[in-house]
Amino acid sequence: APSSLSDAEAAGLTVAYQTAWFGLHRRAALQRGEWLL
């Protein structure tokens, strides 16, 4: 767990943030300057 996050914050890091990370970077290949909705 990142030491910068409290328990309440760190509890929500895995599913939501990995879902968003894979969606934006792996599936959509989001680029700097693009419009994201």
PDB file of all heavy atoms in Angstrom:
ATOM      1  N   ALA A   1       0.847  -1.201   0.000  1.00  0.00           N
ATOM      2  CA  ALA A   1       0.000   0.000   0.000  1.00  0.00           C
ATOM      3  C   ALA A   1       0.879   1.246   0.000  1.00  0.00           C
ATOM      4  O   ALA A   1       1.856   1.315   0.744  1.00  0.00           O
ATOM      5  CB  ALA A   1      -0.901   0.003   1.235  1.00  0.00           C
ATOM      6  N   PRO A   2       0.564   2.242  -0.850  1.00  0.00           N
ATOM      7  CA  PRO A   2       1.354   3.480  -0.835  1.00  0.00           C
ATOM      8  C   PRO A   2       1.342   4.118   0.544  1.00  0.00           C
ATOM      9  O   PRO A   2       0.283   4.275   1.164  1.00  0.00           O
ATOM     10  CB  PRO A   2       0.636   4.364  -1.860  1.00  0.00           C
ATOM     11  CG  PRO A   2      -0.048   3.403  -2.778  1.00  0.00           C
ATOM     12  CD  PRO A   2      -0.479   2.267  -1.888  1.00  0.00           C
ATOM     13  N   SER A   3       2.498   4.462   1.045  1.00  0.00           N
ATOM     14  CA  SER A   3       2.594   5.048   2.384  1.00  0.00           C
ATOM     15  C   SER A   3       1.942   6.425   2.451  1.00  0.00           C
ATOM     16  O   SER A   3       1.641   6.907   3.539  1.00  0.00           O
ATOM     17  CB  SER A   3       4.066   5.142   2.802  1.00  0.00           C
ATOM     18  OG  SER A   3       4.796   5.944   1.884  1.00  0.00           O
ATOM     19  N   SER A   4       1.709   7.041   1.306  1.00  0.00           N
ATOM     20  CA  SER A   4       1.123   8.385   1.268  1.00  0.00           C
ATOM     21  C   SER A   4      -0.381   8.376   1.514  1.00  0.00           C
ATOM     22  O   SER A   4      -0.978   9.442   1.703  1.00  0.00           O
ATOM     23  CB  SER A   4       1.408   9.029  -0.091  1.00  0.00           C
ATOM     24  OG  SER A   4       0.916   8.210  -1.147  1.00  0.00           O
ATOM     25  N   LEU A   5      -1.003   7.204   1.506  1.00  0.00           N
ATOM     26  CA  LEU A   5      -2.459   7.114   1.623  1.00  0.00           C
ATOM     27  C   LEU A   5      -2.878   6.525   2.965  1.00  0.00           C
ATOM     28  O   LEU A   5      -2.256   5.585   3.465  1.00  0.00           O
ATOM     29  CB  LEU A   5      -3.038   6.246   0.498  1.00  0.00           C
ATOM     30  CG  LEU A   5      -2.757   6.687  -0.942  1.00  0.00           C
ATOM     31  CD1 LEU A   5      -3.422   5.724  -1.917  1.00  0.00           C
ATOM     32  CD2 LEU A   5      -3.239   8.116  -1.184  1.00  0.00           C
ATOM     33  N   SER A   6      -3.946   7.060   3.537  1.00  0.00           N
ATOM     34  CA  SER A   6      -4.540   6.502   4.743  1.00  0.00           C
ATOM     35  C   SER A   6      -5.234   5.187   4.405  1.00  0.00           C
ATOM     36  O   SER A   6      -5.413   4.835   3.230  1.00  0.00           O
ATOM     37  CB  SER A   6      -5.560   7.481   5.332  1.00  0.00           C
ATOM     38  OG  SER A   6      -6.695   7.572   4.481  1.00  0.00           O
ATOM     39  N   ASP A   7      -5.666   4.444   5.429  1.00  0.00           N
ATOM     40  CA  ASP A   7      -6.393   3.205   5.177  1.00  0.00           C
ATOM     41  C   ASP A   7      -7.653   3.457   4.352  1.00  0.00           C
ATOM     42  O   ASP A   7      -7.953   2.712   3.417  1.00  0.00           O
ATOM     43  CB  ASP A   7      -6.773   2.532   6.498  1.00  0.00           C
ATOM     44  CG  ASP A   7      -5.638   1.699   7.083  1.00  0.00           C
ATOM     45  OD1 ASP A   7      -4.639   1.475   6.372  1.00  0.00           O
ATOM     46  OD2 ASP A   7      -5.756   1.287   8.250  1.00  0.00           O
ATOM     47  N   ALA A   8      -8.417   4.486   4.701  1.00  0.00           N
ATOM     48  CA  ALA A   8      -9.665   4.765   3.983  1.00  0.00           C
ATOM     49  C   ALA A   8      -9.387   5.063   2.518  1.00  0.00           C
ATOM     50  O   ALA A   8     -10.151   4.652   1.634  1.00  0.00           O
ATOM     51  CB  ALA A   8     -10.399   5.943   4.637  1.00  0.00           C
ATOM     52  N   GLU A   9      -8.299   5.776   2.244  1.00  0.00           N
ATOM     53  CA  GLU A   9      -7.952   6.085   0.862  1.00  0.00           C
ATOM     54  C   GLU A   9      -7.400   4.860   0.142  1.00  0.00           C
ATOM     55  O   GLU A   9      -7.815   4.535  -0.978  1.00  0.00           O
ATOM     56  CB  GLU A   9      -6.931   7.221   0.832  1.00  0.00           C
ATOM     57  CG  GLU A   9      -7.482   8.552   1.314  1.00  0.00           C
ATOM     58  CD  GLU A   9      -6.396   9.564   1.605  1.00  0.00           C
ATOM     59  OE1 GLU A   9      -5.223   9.167   1.873  1.00  0.00           O
ATOM     60  OE2 GLU A   9      -6.697  10.769   1.575  1.00  0.00           O
ATOM     61  N   ALA A  10      -6.469   4.164   0.784  1.00  0.00           N
ATOM     62  CA  ALA A  10      -5.815   3.026   0.144  1.00  0.00           C
ATOM     63  C   ALA A  10      -6.791   1.891  -0.150  1.00  0.00           C
ATOM     64  O   ALA A  10      -6.600   1.133  -1.110  1.00  0.00           O
ATOM     65  CB  ALA A  10      -4.675   2.512   1.024  1.00  0.00           C
ATOM     66  N   ALA A  11      -7.848   1.777   0.651  1.00  0.00           N
ATOM     67  CA  ALA A  11      -8.831   0.715   0.424  1.00  0.00           C
ATOM     68  C   ALA A  11      -9.445   0.812  -0.960  1.00  0.00           C
ATOM     69  O   ALA A  11      -9.842  -0.196  -1.548  1.00  0.00           O
ATOM     70  CB  ALA A  11      -9.925   0.780   1.491  1.00  0.00           C
ATOM     71  N   GLY A  12      -9.532   2.021  -1.510  1.00  0.00           N
ATOM     72  CA  GLY A  12     -10.172   2.225  -2.802  1.00  0.00           C
ATOM     73  C   GLY A  12      -9.218   2.382  -3.960  1.00  0.00           C
ATOM     74  O   GLY A  12      -9.597   2.884  -5.017  1.00  0.00           O
ATOM     75  N   LEU A  13      -7.977   1.940  -3.816  1.00  0.00           N
ATOM     76  CA  LEU A  13      -6.976   2.164  -4.866  1.00  0.00           C
ATOM     77  C   LEU A  13      -6.963   1.077  -5.933  1.00  0.00           C
ATOM     78  O   LEU A  13      -6.638   1.342  -7.080  1.00  0.00           O
ATOM     79  CB  LEU A  13      -5.585   2.285  -4.235  1.00  0.00           C
ATOM     80  CG  LEU A  13      -4.432   2.627  -5.190  1.00  0.00           C
ATOM     81  CD1 LEU A  13      -4.625   4.016  -5.789  1.00  0.00           C
ATOM     82  CD2 LEU A  13      -3.095   2.550  -4.462  1.00  0.00           C
ATOM     83  N   THR A  14      -7.314  -0.150  -5.581  1.00  0.00           N
ATOM     84  CA  THR A  14      -7.072  -1.268  -6.496  1.00  0.00           C
ATOM     85  C   THR A  14      -8.056  -1.328  -7.651  1.00  0.00           C
ATOM     86  O   THR A  14      -7.682  -1.187  -8.818  1.00  0.00           O
ATOM     87  CB  THR A  14      -7.092  -2.601  -5.720  1.00  0.00           C
ATOM     88  OG1 THR A  14      -6.104  -2.554  -4.690  1.00  0.00           O
ATOM     89  CG2 THR A  14      -6.767  -3.759  -6.653  1.00  0.00           C
ATOM     90  N   VAL A  15      -9.335  -1.550  -7.383  1.00  0.00           N
ATOM     91  CA  VAL A  15     -10.292  -1.826  -8.448  1.00  0.00           C
ATOM     92  C   VAL A  15     -10.550  -0.596  -9.312  1.00  0.00           C
ATOM     93  O   VAL A  15     -10.406  -0.639 -10.541  1.00  0.00           O
ATOM     94  CB  VAL A  15     -11.611  -2.370  -7.863  1.00  0.00           C
ATOM     95  CG1 VAL A  15     -12.657  -2.520  -8.961  1.00  0.00           C
ATOM     96  CG2 VAL A  15     -11.379  -3.706  -7.171  1.00  0.00           C
ATOM     97  N   ALA A  16     -10.942   0.515  -8.704  1.00  0.00           N
ATOM     98  CA  ALA A  16     -11.301   1.698  -9.479  1.00  0.00           C
ATOM     99  C   ALA A  16     -10.116   2.242 -10.265  1.00  0.00           C
ATOM    100  O   ALA A  16     -10.226   2.541 -11.460  1.00  0.00           O
ATOM    101  CB  ALA A  16     -11.866   2.774  -8.559  1.00  0.00           C
ATOM    102  N   TYR A  17      -8.980   2.383  -9.610  1.00  0.00           N
ATOM    103  CA  TYR A  17      -7.838   3.008 -10.279  1.00  0.00           C
ATOM    104  C   TYR A  17      -7.199   2.084 -11.308  1.00  0.00           C
ATOM    105  O   TYR A  17      -6.749   2.544 -12.368  1.00  0.00           O
ATOM    106  CB  TYR A  17      -6.821   3.498  -9.244  1.00  0.00           C
ATOM    107  CG  TYR A  17      -7.240   4.813  -8.649  1.00  0.00           C
ATOM    108  CD1 TYR A  17      -8.125   4.865  -7.572  1.00  0.00           C
ATOM    109  CD2 TYR A  17      -6.799   6.014  -9.181  1.00  0.00           C
ATOM    110  CE1 TYR A  17      -8.545   6.070  -7.044  1.00  0.00           C
ATOM    111  CE2 TYR A  17      -7.213   7.233  -8.666  1.00  0.00           C
ATOM    112  CZ  TYR A  17      -8.087   7.253  -7.591  1.00  0.00           C
ATOM    113  OH  TYR A  17      -8.505   8.464  -7.078  1.00  0.00           O
ATOM    114  N   GLN A  18      -7.169   0.779 -11.042  1.00  0.00           N
ATOM    115  CA  GLN A  18      -6.656  -0.109 -12.084  1.00  0.00           C
ATOM    116  C   GLN A  18      -7.629  -0.192 -13.250  1.00  0.00           C
ATOM    117  O   GLN A  18      -7.211  -0.266 -14.421  1.00  0.00           O
ATOM    118  CB  GLN A  18      -6.349  -1.494 -11.513  1.00  0.00           C
ATOM    119  CG  GLN A  18      -5.125  -1.505 -10.622  1.00  0.00           C
ATOM    120  CD  GLN A  18      -4.432  -2.845 -10.576  1.00  0.00           C
ATOM    121  OE1 GLN A  18      -4.483  -3.629 -11.513  1.00  0.00           O
ATOM    122  NE2 GLN A  18      -3.747  -3.109  -9.479  1.00  0.00           N
ATOM    123  N   THR A  19      -8.926  -0.178 -12.963  1.00  0.00           N
ATOM    124  CA  THR A  19      -9.907  -0.146 -14.044  1.00  0.00           C
ATOM    125  C   THR A  19      -9.695   1.086 -14.914  1.00  0.00           C
ATOM    126  O   THR A  19      -9.662   1.005 -16.152  1.00  0.00           O
ATOM    127  CB  THR A  19     -11.330  -0.157 -13.475  1.00  0.00           C
ATOM    128  OG1 THR A  19     -11.566  -1.372 -12.779  1.00  0.00           O
ATOM    129  CG2 THR A  19     -12.367  -0.016 -14.588  1.00  0.00           C
ATOM    130  N   ALA A  20      -9.551   2.238 -14.292  1.00  0.00           N
ATOM    131  CA  ALA A  20      -9.342   3.472 -15.048  1.00  0.00           C
ATOM    132  C   ALA A  20      -8.007   3.441 -15.785  1.00  0.00           C
ATOM    133  O   ALA A  20      -7.911   3.867 -16.948  1.00  0.00           O
ATOM    134  CB  ALA A  20      -9.408   4.675 -14.109  1.00  0.00           C
ATOM    135  N   TRP A  21      -6.960   2.943 -15.115  1.00  0.00           N
ATOM    136  CA  TRP A  21      -5.634   2.904 -15.750  1.00  0.00           C
ATOM    137  C   TRP A  21      -5.653   2.035 -16.997  1.00  0.00           C
ATOM    138  O   TRP A  21      -5.162   2.435 -18.060  1.00  0.00           O
ATOM    139  CB  TRP A  21      -4.605   2.381 -14.744  1.00  0.00           C
ATOM    140  CG  TRP A  21      -3.183   2.510 -15.208  1.00  0.00           C
ATOM    141  CD1 TRP A  21      -2.324   3.543 -14.987  1.00  0.00           C
ATOM    142  CD2 TRP A  21      -2.442   1.539 -15.983  1.00  0.00           C
ATOM    143  NE1 TRP A  21      -1.101   3.297 -15.565  1.00  0.00           N
ATOM    144  CE2 TRP A  21      -1.148   2.067 -16.190  1.00  0.00           C
ATOM    145  CE3 TRP A  21      -2.751   0.288 -16.522  1.00  0.00           C
ATOM    146  CZ2 TRP A  21      -0.163   1.397 -16.906  1.00  0.00           C
ATOM    147  CZ3 TRP A  21      -1.771  -0.393 -17.246  1.00  0.00           C
ATOM    148  CH2 TRP A  21      -0.502   0.164 -17.425  1.00  0.00           C
ATOM    149  N   PHE A  22      -6.220   0.829 -16.889  1.00  0.00           N
ATOM    150  CA  PHE A  22      -6.273  -0.061 -18.053  1.00  0.00           C
ATOM    151  C   PHE A  22      -7.179   0.505 -19.141  1.00  0.00           C
ATOM    152  O   PHE A  22      -6.884   0.389 -20.334  1.00  0.00           O
ATOM    153  CB  PHE A  22      -6.744  -1.457 -17.643  1.00  0.00           C
ATOM    154  CG  PHE A  22      -5.637  -2.326 -17.124  1.00  0.00           C
ATOM    155  CD1 PHE A  22      -5.389  -2.413 -15.761  1.00  0.00           C
ATOM    156  CD2 PHE A  22      -4.828  -3.049 -17.984  1.00  0.00           C
ATOM    157  CE1 PHE A  22      -4.359  -3.200 -15.276  1.00  0.00           C
ATOM    158  CE2 PHE A  22      -3.792  -3.839 -17.514  1.00  0.00           C
ATOM    159  CZ  PHE A  22      -3.556  -3.922 -16.148  1.00  0.00           C
ATOM    160  N   GLY A  23      -8.287   1.119 -18.736  1.00  0.00           N
ATOM    161  CA  GLY A  23      -9.190   1.689 -19.729  1.00  0.00           C
ATOM    162  C   GLY A  23      -8.540   2.811 -20.522  1.00  0.00           C
ATOM    163  O   GLY A  23      -8.635   2.866 -21.759  1.00  0.00           O
ATOM    164  N   LEU A  24      -7.868   3.707 -19.839  1.00  0.00           N
ATOM    165  CA  LEU A  24      -7.284   4.873 -20.498  1.00  0.00           C
ATOM    166  C   LEU A  24      -5.977   4.556 -21.213  1.00  0.00           C
ATOM    167  O   LEU A  24      -5.759   4.996 -22.350  1.00  0.00           O
ATOM    168  CB  LEU A  24      -7.054   5.990 -19.470  1.00  0.00           C
ATOM    169  CG  LEU A  24      -8.306   6.535 -18.773  1.00  0.00           C
ATOM    170  CD1 LEU A  24      -7.921   7.662 -17.823  1.00  0.00           C
ATOM    171  CD2 LEU A  24      -9.348   7.003 -19.779  1.00  0.00           C
ATOM    172  N   HIS A  25      -5.102   3.800 -20.557  1.00  0.00           N
ATOM    173  CA  HIS A  25      -3.767   3.607 -21.117  1.00  0.00           C
ATOM    174  C   HIS A  25      -3.640   2.353 -21.984  1.00  0.00           C
ATOM    175  O   HIS A  25      -2.980   2.389 -23.029  1.00  0.00           O
ATOM    176  CB  HIS A  25      -2.736   3.584 -19.992  1.00  0.00           C
ATOM    177  CG  HIS A  25      -2.625   4.887 -19.270  1.00  0.00           C
ATOM    178  ND1 HIS A  25      -2.157   6.021 -19.882  1.00  0.00           N
ATOM    179  CD2 HIS A  25      -2.951   5.247 -17.997  1.00  0.00           C
ATOM    180  CE1 HIS A  25      -2.183   7.035 -19.021  1.00  0.00           C
ATOM    181  NE2 HIS A  25      -2.662   6.581 -17.878  1.00  0.00           N
ATOM    182  N   ARG A  26      -4.264   1.268 -21.568  1.00  0.00           N
ATOM    183  CA  ARG A  26      -4.128   0.024 -22.322  1.00  0.00           C
ATOM    184  C   ARG A  26      -5.152  -0.076 -23.456  1.00  0.00           C
ATOM    185  O   ARG A  26      -4.807  -0.408 -24.583  1.00  0.00           O
ATOM    186  CB  ARG A  26      -4.273  -1.168 -21.374  1.00  0.00           C
ATOM    187  CG  ARG A  26      -4.086  -2.513 -22.051  1.00  0.00           C
ATOM    188  CD  ARG A  26      -2.651  -2.743 -22.469  1.00  0.00           C
ATOM    189  NE  ARG A  26      -2.517  -3.984 -23.235  1.00  0.00           N
ATOM    190  CZ  ARG A  26      -1.377  -4.376 -23.776  1.00  0.00           C
ATOM    191  NH1 ARG A  26      -0.288  -3.651 -23.632  1.00  0.00           N
ATOM    192  NH2 ARG A  26      -1.322  -5.510 -24.457  1.00  0.00           N
ATOM    193  N   ARG A  27      -6.408   0.226 -23.173  1.00  0.00           N
ATOM    194  CA  ARG A  27      -7.452   0.036 -24.174  1.00  0.00           C
ATOM    195  C   ARG A  27      -7.620   1.258 -25.081  1.00  0.00           C
ATOM    196  O   ARG A  27      -7.878   1.100 -26.273  1.00  0.00           O
ATOM    197  CB  ARG A  27      -8.788  -0.287 -23.496  1.00  0.00           C
ATOM    198  CG  ARG A  27      -8.756  -1.504 -22.596  1.00  0.00           C
ATOM    199  CD  ARG A  27      -8.396  -2.780 -23.365  1.00  0.00           C
ATOM    200  NE  ARG A  27      -9.504  -3.238 -24.172  1.00  0.00           N
ATOM    201  CZ  ARG A  27      -9.392  -3.724 -25.404  1.00  0.00           C
ATOM    202  NH1 ARG A  27      -8.206  -3.780 -25.996  1.00  0.00           N
ATOM    203  NH2 ARG A  27     -10.453  -4.137 -26.066  1.00  0.00           N
ATOM    204  N   ALA A  28      -7.481   2.464 -24.551  1.00  0.00           N
ATOM    205  CA  ALA A  28      -7.716   3.664 -25.356  1.00  0.00           C
ATOM    206  C   ALA A  28      -6.442   4.363 -25.804  1.00  0.00           C
ATOM    207  O   ALA A  28      -6.492   5.235 -26.669  1.00  0.00           O
ATOM    208  CB  ALA A  28      -8.590   4.649 -24.580  1.00  0.00           C
ATOM    209  N   ALA A  29      -5.304   4.005 -25.221  1.00  0.00           N
ATOM    210  CA  ALA A  29      -4.024   4.652 -25.566  1.00  0.00           C
ATOM    211  C   ALA A  29      -4.158   6.174 -25.530  1.00  0.00           C
ATOM    212  O   ALA A  29      -3.785   6.877 -26.466  1.00  0.00           O
ATOM    213  CB  ALA A  29      -3.533   4.179 -26.934  1.00  0.00           C
ATOM    214  N   LEU A  30      -4.679   6.686 -24.428  1.00  0.00           N
ATOM    215  CA  LEU A  30      -4.887   8.129 -24.271  1.00  0.00           C
ATOM    216  C   LEU A  30      -3.575   8.887 -24.423  1.00  0.00           C
ATOM    217  O   LEU A  30      -2.552   8.510 -23.854  1.00  0.00           O
ATOM    218  CB  LEU A  30      -5.489   8.395 -22.883  1.00  0.00           C
ATOM    219  CG  LEU A  30      -5.767   9.855 -22.520  1.00  0.00           C
ATOM    220  CD1 LEU A  30      -6.895  10.408 -23.373  1.00  0.00           C
ATOM    221  CD2 LEU A  30      -6.101   9.971 -21.028  1.00  0.00           C
ATOM    222  N   GLN A  31      -3.628   9.985 -25.194  1.00  0.00           N
ATOM    223  CA  GLN A  31      -2.442  10.782 -25.462  1.00  0.00           C
ATOM    224  C   GLN A  31      -2.570  12.167 -24.830  1.00  0.00           C
ATOM    225  O   GLN A  31      -3.676  12.694 -24.660  1.00  0.00           O
ATOM    226  CB  GLN A  31      -2.241  10.939 -26.974  1.00  0.00           C
ATOM    227  CG  GLN A  31      -2.090   9.621 -27.713  1.00  0.00           C
ATOM    228  CD  GLN A  31      -0.874   8.828 -27.279  1.00  0.00           C
ATOM    229  OE1 GLN A  31       0.247   9.359 -27.288  1.00  0.00           O
ATOM    230  NE2 GLN A  31      -1.074   7.568 -26.911  1.00  0.00           N
ATOM    231  N   ARG A  32      -1.427  12.740 -24.510  1.00  0.00           N
ATOM    232  CA  ARG A  32      -1.383  14.104 -23.978  1.00  0.00           C
ATOM    233  C   ARG A  32      -2.076  15.064 -24.956  1.00  0.00           C
ATOM    234  O   ARG A  32      -1.845  15.001 -26.164  1.00  0.00           O
ATOM    235  CB  ARG A  32       0.066  14.534 -23.744  1.00  0.00           C
ATOM    236  CG  ARG A  32       0.233  15.965 -23.236  1.00  0.00           C
ATOM    237  CD  ARG A  32       1.674  16.249 -22.870  1.00  0.00           C
ATOM    238  NE  ARG A  32       2.096  15.429 -21.739  1.00  0.00           N
ATOM    239  CZ  ARG A  32       1.874  15.741 -20.472  1.00  0.00           C
ATOM    240  NH1 ARG A  32       1.223  16.862 -20.163  1.00  0.00           N
ATOM    241  NH2 ARG A  32       2.282  14.937 -19.503  1.00  0.00           N
ATOM    242  N   GLY A  33      -2.906  15.945 -24.413  1.00  0.00           N
ATOM    243  CA  GLY A  33      -3.591  16.941 -25.224  1.00  0.00           C
ATOM    244  C   GLY A  33      -4.918  16.482 -25.797  1.00  0.00           C
ATOM    245  O   GLY A  33      -5.670  17.305 -26.348  1.00  0.00           O
ATOM    246  N   GLU A  34      -5.237  15.181 -25.687  1.00  0.00           N
ATOM    247  CA  GLU A  34      -6.515  14.696 -26.209  1.00  0.00           C
ATOM    248  C   GLU A  34      -7.660  15.082 -25.263  1.00  0.00           C
ATOM    249  O   GLU A  34      -7.466  15.314 -24.075  1.00  0.00           O
ATOM    250  CB  GLU A  34      -6.484  13.182 -26.385  1.00  0.00           C
ATOM    251  CG  GLU A  34      -5.637  12.730 -27.567  1.00  0.00           C
ATOM    252  CD  GLU A  34      -5.838  11.268 -27.919  1.00  0.00           C
ATOM    253  OE1 GLU A  34      -5.853  10.425 -26.995  1.00  0.00           O
ATOM    254  OE2 GLU A  34      -5.968  10.963 -29.107  1.00  0.00           O
ATOM    255  N   TRP A  35      -8.852  15.108 -25.831  1.00  0.00           N
ATOM    256  CA  TRP A  35     -10.062  15.357 -25.052  1.00  0.00           C
ATOM    257  C   TRP A  35     -10.593  14.036 -24.518  1.00  0.00           C
ATOM    258  O   TRP A  35     -10.823  13.093 -25.279  1.00  0.00           O
ATOM    259  CB  TRP A  35     -11.136  16.026 -25.901  1.00  0.00           C
ATOM    260  CG  TRP A  35     -10.904  17.491 -26.151  1.00  0.00           C
ATOM    261  CD1 TRP A  35     -10.366  18.070 -27.259  1.00  0.00           C
ATOM    262  CD2 TRP A  35     -11.215  18.559 -25.251  1.00  0.00           C
ATOM    263  NE1 TRP A  35     -10.314  19.434 -27.113  1.00  0.00           N
ATOM    264  CE2 TRP A  35     -10.821  19.765 -25.899  1.00  0.00           C
ATOM    265  CE3 TRP A  35     -11.760  18.623 -23.972  1.00  0.00           C
ATOM    266  CZ2 TRP A  35     -10.986  21.021 -25.306  1.00  0.00           C
ATOM    267  CZ3 TRP A  35     -11.926  19.867 -23.380  1.00  0.00           C
ATOM    268  CH2 TRP A  35     -11.535  21.044 -24.030  1.00  0.00           C
ATOM    269  N   LEU A  36     -10.793  13.974 -23.210  1.00  0.00           N
ATOM    270  CA  LEU A  36     -11.313  12.777 -22.536  1.00  0.00           C
ATOM    271  C   LEU A  36     -12.665  13.109 -21.919  1.00  0.00           C
ATOM    272  O   LEU A  36     -12.774  14.046 -21.123  1.00  0.00           O
ATOM    273  CB  LEU A  36     -10.346  12.322 -21.446  1.00  0.00           C
ATOM    274  CG  LEU A  36     -10.858  11.277 -20.440  1.00  0.00           C
ATOM    275  CD1 LEU A  36     -11.190   9.966 -21.142  1.00  0.00           C
ATOM    276  CD2 LEU A  36      -9.840  11.056 -19.324  1.00  0.00           C
ATOM    277  N   LEU A  37     -13.681  12.346 -22.291  1.00  0.00           N
ATOM    278  CA  LEU A  37     -15.023  12.490 -21.734  1.00  0.00           C
ATOM    279  C   LEU A  37     -15.258  11.350 -20.742  1.00  0.00           C
ATOM    280  O   LEU A  37     -15.169  10.174 -21.118  1.00  0.00           O
ATOM    281  CB  LEU A  37     -16.073  12.454 -22.847  1.00  0.00           C
ATOM    282  CG  LEU A  37     -17.543  12.482 -22.420  1.00  0.00           C
ATOM    283  CD1 LEU A  37     -17.899  13.801 -21.733  1.00  0.00           C
ATOM    284  CD2 LEU A  37     -18.456  12.261 -23.625  1.00  0.00           C
TER     285      LEU A  37
END
